[in-house]
N, C-alpha and C. Protein backbone atom coordinates (compact mmCIF):
# COMPACT_ATOMS: atom_id res chain seq x y z
N PHE A 1 -45.25 38.52 -8.01
CA PHE A 1 -44.53 38.42 -6.70
C PHE A 1 -44.40 36.57 -6.75
N GLU A 2 -43.66 36.08 -6.25
CA GLU A 2 -43.86 34.55 -5.77
C GLU A 2 -43.81 34.50 -4.39
N TYR A 3 -44.74 33.28 -4.07
CA TYR A 3 -44.70 32.81 -2.75
C TYR A 3 -43.92 32.15 -2.12
N SER A 4 -43.33 32.85 -0.95
CA SER A 4 -42.03 31.64 -0.06
C SER A 4 -42.65 31.58 1.17
N THR A 5 -41.66 31.09 1.81
CA THR A 5 -41.64 30.60 2.88
C THR A 5 -40.19 30.56 3.68
N ILE A 6 -39.87 30.81 5.16
CA ILE A 6 -38.68 30.34 5.77
C ILE A 6 -38.70 29.44 5.70
N PRO A 7 -37.00 28.89 4.80
CA PRO A 7 -36.77 27.46 5.19
C PRO A 7 -36.42 27.10 6.54
N TYR A 8 -37.30 26.50 7.09
CA TYR A 8 -37.11 26.20 8.89
C TYR A 8 -36.33 25.43 8.84
N SER A 9 -36.01 24.31 8.12
CA SER A 9 -34.91 23.12 8.16
C SER A 9 -33.69 23.81 8.30
N LEU A 10 -33.12 25.14 7.56
CA LEU A 10 -32.09 25.67 7.18
C LEU A 10 -31.55 26.30 8.59
N VAL A 11 -33.03 27.18 8.79
CA VAL A 11 -32.71 27.91 10.14
C VAL A 11 -32.26 26.99 11.58
N SER A 12 -32.71 25.78 11.44
CA SER A 12 -32.74 25.02 12.68
C SER A 12 -31.00 24.78 12.49
N ALA A 13 -30.58 24.31 10.76
CA ALA A 13 -29.29 23.56 11.06
C ALA A 13 -28.54 24.77 11.47
N LEU A 14 -29.04 26.08 11.08
CA LEU A 14 -27.41 27.15 11.26
C LEU A 14 -27.73 27.18 12.75
N GLU A 15 -28.52 27.04 13.71
CA GLU A 15 -28.44 27.36 14.81
C GLU A 15 -27.75 26.16 15.56
N THR A 16 -28.37 24.84 15.15
CA THR A 16 -27.36 23.86 15.31
C THR A 16 -25.96 24.21 15.34
N ALA A 17 -25.80 24.41 14.05
CA ALA A 17 -24.25 24.54 13.73
C ALA A 17 -23.22 25.91 14.77
N VAL A 18 -24.23 27.05 14.34
CA VAL A 18 -23.45 27.71 15.34
C VAL A 18 -23.66 27.78 17.32
N ARG A 19 -24.66 26.93 17.19
CA ARG A 19 -24.35 26.84 19.04
C ARG A 19 -23.81 25.69 19.52
N GLY A 20 -23.85 24.50 18.45
CA GLY A 20 -22.56 23.09 18.60
C GLY A 20 -20.80 23.37 18.33
N VAL A 21 -20.67 24.78 17.37
CA VAL A 21 -19.35 24.52 17.16
C VAL A 21 -19.03 26.18 17.44
N ALA A 22 -19.62 26.83 16.86
CA ALA A 22 -18.79 28.66 17.21
C ALA A 22 -19.09 28.85 18.55
N LEU A 23 -20.46 28.81 19.03
CA LEU A 23 -20.31 28.82 20.73
C LEU A 23 -19.50 27.99 21.37
N ARG A 24 -19.52 26.63 21.35
CA ARG A 24 -19.02 25.57 22.19
C ARG A 24 -17.84 26.14 21.70
N VAL A 25 -17.22 25.75 21.27
CA VAL A 25 -15.68 25.90 20.69
C VAL A 25 -15.12 27.42 20.43
N GLY A 26 -15.49 28.34 20.25
CA GLY A 26 -15.07 29.25 20.25
C GLY A 26 -14.81 30.21 18.88
N VAL A 27 -15.01 31.38 17.96
CA VAL A 27 -14.46 31.36 16.97
C VAL A 27 -13.11 31.62 16.46
N GLU A 28 -12.33 32.22 17.60
CA GLU A 28 -10.69 31.93 17.62
C GLU A 28 -10.15 30.75 17.21
N GLN A 29 -10.65 29.82 18.01
CA GLN A 29 -10.01 28.62 18.31
C GLN A 29 -10.30 27.88 16.81
N VAL A 30 -12.00 28.20 16.29
CA VAL A 30 -11.85 27.76 15.08
C VAL A 30 -11.16 28.09 13.76
N PHE A 31 -10.82 29.31 13.80
CA PHE A 31 -9.93 30.09 12.85
C PHE A 31 -8.91 29.64 12.69
N ALA A 32 -8.17 29.41 14.41
CA ALA A 32 -6.97 28.91 14.42
C ALA A 32 -7.11 27.27 13.81
N GLU A 33 -7.91 26.50 14.00
CA GLU A 33 -7.70 25.05 13.37
C GLU A 33 -7.47 25.39 11.74
N ILE A 34 -8.38 26.39 11.22
CA ILE A 34 -8.74 26.23 9.57
C ILE A 34 -7.28 26.87 9.21
N LEU A 35 -6.52 27.73 9.92
CA LEU A 35 -4.94 28.15 9.53
C LEU A 35 -4.46 26.72 9.52
N ARG A 36 -4.33 25.79 10.84
CA ARG A 36 -3.51 25.03 10.83
C ARG A 36 -3.88 23.86 9.74
N LEU A 37 -5.12 23.90 9.31
CA LEU A 37 -5.33 23.01 8.05
C LEU A 37 -4.68 23.45 6.96
N HIS A 38 -4.41 24.44 6.69
CA HIS A 38 -3.83 25.02 5.37
C HIS A 38 -2.35 25.05 5.67
N GLN A 39 -1.85 25.00 6.96
CA GLN A 39 -0.56 24.55 6.67
C GLN A 39 -0.29 23.12 6.55
N ILE A 40 -1.45 22.55 7.07
CA ILE A 40 -0.93 20.89 6.41
C ILE A 40 -0.86 21.04 4.89
N PHE A 41 -2.24 21.22 4.49
CA PHE A 41 -2.33 21.76 2.93
C PHE A 41 -0.97 21.87 1.97
N LEU A 42 -0.37 22.96 2.47
CA LEU A 42 0.91 23.68 1.66
C LEU A 42 1.89 23.04 2.08
N THR A 43 2.25 22.50 3.30
CA THR A 43 3.28 21.44 3.68
C THR A 43 3.29 20.16 2.62
N GLU A 44 2.46 20.03 2.56
CA GLU A 44 2.31 18.24 1.67
C GLU A 44 2.19 19.09 0.05
N LEU A 45 1.41 20.01 -0.25
CA LEU A 45 1.98 20.45 -1.54
C LEU A 45 3.08 20.85 -2.24
N GLY A 46 3.98 21.39 -1.07
CA GLY A 46 4.90 21.40 -1.32
C GLY A 46 5.11 22.74 -2.23
N SER A 47 6.34 23.29 -3.01
CA SER A 47 6.32 24.63 -3.98
C SER A 47 6.00 24.02 -5.21
N LEU A 48 5.40 24.52 -5.81
CA LEU A 48 4.74 24.16 -7.28
C LEU A 48 4.87 25.10 -8.36
N PRO A 49 5.51 24.97 -9.47
CA PRO A 49 5.87 26.06 -10.29
C PRO A 49 4.38 26.70 -10.57
N SER A 50 4.69 28.23 -10.80
CA SER A 50 3.57 29.44 -10.66
C SER A 50 2.61 29.08 -10.20
N SER A 51 2.36 28.05 -8.58
CA SER A 51 1.53 28.41 -7.53
C SER A 51 1.74 29.67 -6.44
N VAL A 52 0.66 30.45 -5.93
CA VAL A 52 0.51 31.58 -5.54
C VAL A 52 -0.83 31.27 -4.63
N THR A 53 -0.65 31.50 -3.36
CA THR A 53 -1.43 30.82 -2.58
C THR A 53 -1.70 32.94 -2.37
N ILE A 54 -3.12 33.15 -2.32
CA ILE A 54 -3.41 34.27 -1.43
C ILE A 54 -3.94 34.17 -0.15
N PRO A 55 -3.93 35.04 0.24
CA PRO A 55 -2.61 35.38 0.60
C PRO A 55 -1.44 34.68 1.24
N SER A 56 -0.31 35.16 0.88
CA SER A 56 0.99 34.01 1.07
C SER A 56 1.04 33.92 2.65
N SER A 57 0.73 34.94 3.70
CA SER A 57 1.56 35.03 5.05
C SER A 57 -0.29 34.36 5.94
N PRO A 58 0.46 33.60 6.81
CA PRO A 58 -0.95 33.47 7.57
C PRO A 58 -1.59 34.26 8.23
N GLU A 59 -1.31 35.41 8.05
CA GLU A 59 -1.86 36.59 9.12
C GLU A 59 -3.00 37.47 8.05
N GLY A 60 -2.97 37.61 7.05
CA GLY A 60 -3.71 38.09 5.99
C GLY A 60 -5.11 37.03 5.32
N ARG A 61 -4.58 35.72 6.24
CA ARG A 61 -5.32 34.46 5.38
C ARG A 61 -7.21 34.42 5.79
N ALA A 62 -8.17 34.32 5.03
CA ALA A 62 -9.38 34.03 5.68
C ALA A 62 -9.69 32.76 5.63
N GLY A 63 -10.82 31.62 5.67
CA GLY A 63 -10.97 30.42 5.26
C GLY A 63 -10.56 29.71 4.00
N ILE A 64 -10.42 30.90 3.13
CA ILE A 64 -10.51 30.20 1.86
C ILE A 64 -8.87 30.71 1.42
N LEU A 65 -8.20 29.28 0.47
CA LEU A 65 -7.15 29.63 0.05
C LEU A 65 -6.89 29.38 -1.59
N SER A 66 -6.51 30.42 -2.23
CA SER A 66 -6.33 30.62 -3.68
C SER A 66 -5.17 29.97 -4.26
N LEU A 67 -5.26 29.00 -4.88
CA LEU A 67 -3.82 28.98 -5.63
C LEU A 67 -4.21 29.60 -7.50
N ARG A 68 -3.18 30.01 -7.55
CA ARG A 68 -3.24 30.45 -8.84
C ARG A 68 -2.85 29.16 -9.61
N MET A 69 -3.38 29.22 -11.13
CA MET A 69 -2.86 27.92 -12.11
C MET A 69 -3.05 28.42 -13.31
N PRO A 70 -3.08 27.85 -14.52
CA PRO A 70 -3.10 28.16 -15.96
C PRO A 70 -4.75 27.58 -16.10
N GLU A 71 -5.19 26.15 -15.54
CA GLU A 71 -6.88 25.73 -16.26
C GLU A 71 -7.22 25.32 -14.88
N PRO A 72 -7.69 25.96 -14.23
CA PRO A 72 -8.18 25.41 -12.58
C PRO A 72 -9.55 24.68 -12.88
N GLY A 73 -10.35 24.84 -14.00
CA GLY A 73 -11.75 24.49 -13.78
C GLY A 73 -11.65 22.43 -14.62
N PRO A 74 -10.55 22.20 -15.18
CA PRO A 74 -10.75 20.88 -14.82
C PRO A 74 -9.82 20.04 -13.73
N ILE A 75 -9.21 20.77 -13.55
CA ILE A 75 -8.24 20.21 -12.15
C ILE A 75 -9.64 20.36 -10.63
N ALA A 76 -10.35 21.44 -10.43
CA ALA A 76 -11.31 21.49 -10.05
C ALA A 76 -12.90 20.05 -10.04
N ALA A 77 -12.68 19.72 -11.16
CA ALA A 77 -13.67 18.91 -11.97
C ALA A 77 -12.90 17.92 -11.41
N ALA A 78 -11.93 17.37 -11.60
CA ALA A 78 -11.16 16.22 -11.23
C ALA A 78 -10.97 15.71 -9.91
N LEU A 79 -10.64 17.06 -8.96
CA LEU A 79 -10.65 16.93 -7.16
C LEU A 79 -12.31 16.67 -7.34
N GLY A 80 -13.27 16.98 -7.47
CA GLY A 80 -14.60 16.93 -7.15
C GLY A 80 -14.58 15.45 -7.57
N LYS A 81 -14.49 14.93 -8.14
CA LYS A 81 -14.69 13.01 -8.78
C LYS A 81 -14.09 12.46 -7.52
N GLU A 82 -12.94 12.70 -6.96
CA GLU A 82 -12.17 12.15 -5.71
C GLU A 82 -12.86 12.69 -4.53
N GLY A 83 -13.90 13.50 -4.41
CA GLY A 83 -14.45 13.98 -3.25
C GLY A 83 -14.04 14.88 -2.17
N ILE A 84 -13.05 15.61 -3.15
CA ILE A 84 -12.24 17.16 -2.57
C ILE A 84 -13.37 17.93 -3.44
N VAL A 85 -13.77 18.59 -2.32
CA VAL A 85 -14.85 19.98 -2.30
C VAL A 85 -13.74 20.90 -2.70
N CYS A 86 -13.98 21.77 -3.87
CA CYS A 86 -13.64 22.77 -4.41
C CYS A 86 -13.95 23.48 -5.58
N SER A 87 -13.05 24.85 -5.97
CA SER A 87 -14.22 25.32 -6.90
C SER A 87 -12.99 25.90 -8.13
N ALA A 88 -13.43 26.36 -8.87
CA ALA A 88 -12.80 27.46 -9.98
C ALA A 88 -13.37 28.61 -10.14
N ARG A 89 -12.33 29.51 -10.10
CA ARG A 89 -12.34 30.85 -9.82
C ARG A 89 -11.72 32.05 -10.70
N GLY A 90 -12.30 32.26 -11.61
CA GLY A 90 -11.01 33.02 -12.87
C GLY A 90 -9.86 31.74 -12.85
N ALA A 91 -8.63 32.69 -12.43
CA ALA A 91 -7.49 31.36 -12.89
C ALA A 91 -7.08 30.88 -11.48
N PHE A 92 -7.79 30.46 -10.49
CA PHE A 92 -7.67 30.54 -9.24
C PHE A 92 -8.37 29.09 -8.97
N LEU A 93 -7.94 28.10 -8.40
CA LEU A 93 -8.29 27.22 -7.70
C LEU A 93 -8.60 27.38 -5.76
N ARG A 94 -9.95 27.53 -5.73
CA ARG A 94 -10.40 27.71 -4.24
C ARG A 94 -10.57 26.69 -3.10
N ILE A 95 -9.64 26.84 -2.31
CA ILE A 95 -10.08 25.19 -1.52
C ILE A 95 -10.19 25.92 -0.05
N ALA A 96 -11.30 25.59 0.28
CA ALA A 96 -12.10 26.29 2.35
C ALA A 96 -12.13 25.39 3.12
N PRO A 97 -11.27 24.38 3.74
CA PRO A 97 -11.33 23.49 4.89
C PRO A 97 -12.22 24.21 5.85
N HIS A 98 -13.01 23.22 6.09
CA HIS A 98 -13.44 23.86 7.58
C HIS A 98 -13.34 22.94 8.92
N VAL A 99 -13.73 23.17 10.14
CA VAL A 99 -13.35 22.90 10.98
C VAL A 99 -13.48 21.29 11.02
N TYR A 100 -13.95 20.80 11.02
CA TYR A 100 -14.56 19.53 10.80
C TYR A 100 -13.46 18.77 9.61
N VAL A 101 -12.64 18.91 8.75
CA VAL A 101 -11.92 18.08 8.06
C VAL A 101 -10.66 17.79 9.06
N SER A 102 -10.34 16.73 8.37
CA SER A 102 -9.31 16.03 9.23
C SER A 102 -7.67 16.13 8.19
N ASP A 103 -6.70 16.04 9.33
CA ASP A 103 -5.31 16.12 8.52
C ASP A 103 -5.33 15.33 7.46
N ASP A 104 -5.67 13.79 7.34
CA ASP A 104 -5.45 12.92 6.71
C ASP A 104 -6.11 13.85 5.06
N GLN A 105 -7.45 14.34 5.77
CA GLN A 105 -7.48 14.43 3.79
C GLN A 105 -7.37 16.00 3.42
N MET A 106 -6.30 16.33 4.38
CA MET A 106 -5.93 17.98 3.86
C MET A 106 -4.78 17.43 2.99
N GLN A 107 -3.99 16.43 3.65
CA GLN A 107 -2.73 15.63 2.75
C GLN A 107 -3.57 14.80 1.90
N ARG A 108 -4.64 14.11 1.59
CA ARG A 108 -4.70 13.60 0.01
C ARG A 108 -5.17 14.29 -0.32
N ALA A 109 -5.82 15.39 -0.25
CA ALA A 109 -6.18 16.50 -1.47
C ALA A 109 -4.98 17.49 -1.89
N ALA A 110 -3.62 17.76 -1.22
CA ALA A 110 -2.40 17.85 -1.71
C ALA A 110 -2.11 17.07 -2.26
N GLY A 111 -2.11 15.33 -2.04
CA GLY A 111 -1.40 14.83 -2.79
C GLY A 111 -2.15 14.62 -4.06
N LEU A 112 -3.24 14.62 -4.30
CA LEU A 112 -4.26 14.94 -5.23
C LEU A 112 -3.95 15.85 -6.17
N LEU A 113 -3.58 16.95 -5.69
CA LEU A 113 -3.34 18.10 -6.35
C LEU A 113 -1.99 18.07 -7.25
N LYS A 114 -1.26 17.81 -6.69
CA LYS A 114 0.58 17.28 -6.76
C LYS A 114 0.25 16.42 -8.24
N LYS A 115 -0.41 15.42 -8.10
CA LYS A 115 -0.71 14.26 -9.58
C LYS A 115 -1.03 15.20 -10.73
N MET A 116 -2.06 16.35 -10.28
CA MET A 116 -2.98 16.78 -11.18
C MET A 116 -2.59 17.99 -12.05
N TRP A 117 -1.65 18.44 -11.12
CA TRP A 117 -0.92 19.93 -11.55
C TRP A 117 -0.01 19.83 -12.53
């Protein structure tokens, strides 16, 4: 057995996030903003060969956009060096914007990805 304690600082941070954003703004508005950010990213990205957004329609989306590409690992690493948080999972590059991300940041991420793809 290992001794452990409750991470009080993380619990406090979670409470602040839930009360400060989710309850104040509303979950529906947060999700609508995330979908809006998705659209900015996808519009700026344009249509690239072999790109597949999962799912392709806004009605089926969650907070994560998955883009199919041959080698997502090196691209995820390069984007990370540019301050873009994303991850490579199998044949997909996963991008999950949060409600506090700006339009300019989404456009910058898409522009960098277009250059690297």
